[in-house]
Amino acid sequence: MATGFRNLIVYKKAFSLAMDIFELIKSYPKEEKYGLTSQIRNSSII
């Protein structure tokens, strides 16, 4: 039985997806840093 939210499979998958998104954003051009990338980053956190 899971003893905390960090042990849940759904949490682990969501966290992994968020980290993948952050890695992908690193490859975006610098001019997009405060436009599209911040929107993507914020939507992946919520």
Protein backbone atom coordinates (compact mmCIF):
# COMPACT_ATOMS: atom_id res chain seq x y z
CA MET A 1 0.00 0.00 0.00
CA ALA A 2 1.27 3.48 -0.87
CA THR A 3 2.45 5.58 2.06
CA GLY A 4 2.39 9.08 0.62
CA PHE A 5 1.59 10.74 -2.65
CA ARG A 6 5.17 10.48 -3.95
CA ASN A 7 4.82 6.70 -4.02
CA LEU A 8 1.72 6.78 -6.23
CA ILE A 9 2.19 5.66 -9.83
CA VAL A 10 0.18 8.61 -11.15
CA TYR A 11 2.44 11.05 -9.27
CA LYS A 12 5.58 9.40 -10.63
CA LYS A 13 4.27 9.54 -14.21
CA ALA A 14 3.15 13.18 -13.88
CA PHE A 15 6.51 14.16 -12.39
CA SER A 16 8.37 12.36 -15.16
CA LEU A 17 6.27 14.11 -17.81
CA ALA A 18 6.92 17.51 -16.19
CA MET A 19 10.68 16.84 -16.19
CA ASP A 20 10.52 15.80 -19.86
CA ILE A 21 8.75 19.07 -20.67
CA PHE A 22 11.41 21.10 -18.83
CA GLU A 23 14.15 19.31 -20.78
CA LEU A 24 12.35 19.97 -24.07
CA ILE A 25 11.97 23.67 -23.25
CA LYS A 26 15.74 23.99 -22.80
CA SER A 27 16.17 23.42 -26.53
CA TYR A 28 13.84 26.28 -27.52
CA PRO A 29 15.40 29.47 -28.90
CA LYS A 30 16.31 32.20 -26.40
CA GLU A 31 13.76 34.64 -27.86
CA GLU A 32 10.99 32.25 -26.85
CA LYS A 33 12.23 32.04 -23.27
CA TYR A 34 9.66 34.45 -21.83
CA GLY A 35 6.85 33.84 -24.29
CA LEU A 36 5.86 30.35 -25.28
CA THR A 37 8.18 28.48 -22.95
CA SER A 38 6.87 30.18 -19.81
CA GLN A 39 3.32 29.29 -20.82
CA ILE A 40 4.30 25.66 -21.43
CA ARG A 41 6.20 25.52 -18.15
CA ASN A 42 3.30 26.97 -16.19
CA SER A 43 0.77 24.63 -17.77
CA SER A 44 2.92 21.60 -16.97
CA ILE A 45 3.07 22.52 -13.29
CA ILE A 46 -0.64 22.96 -12.72
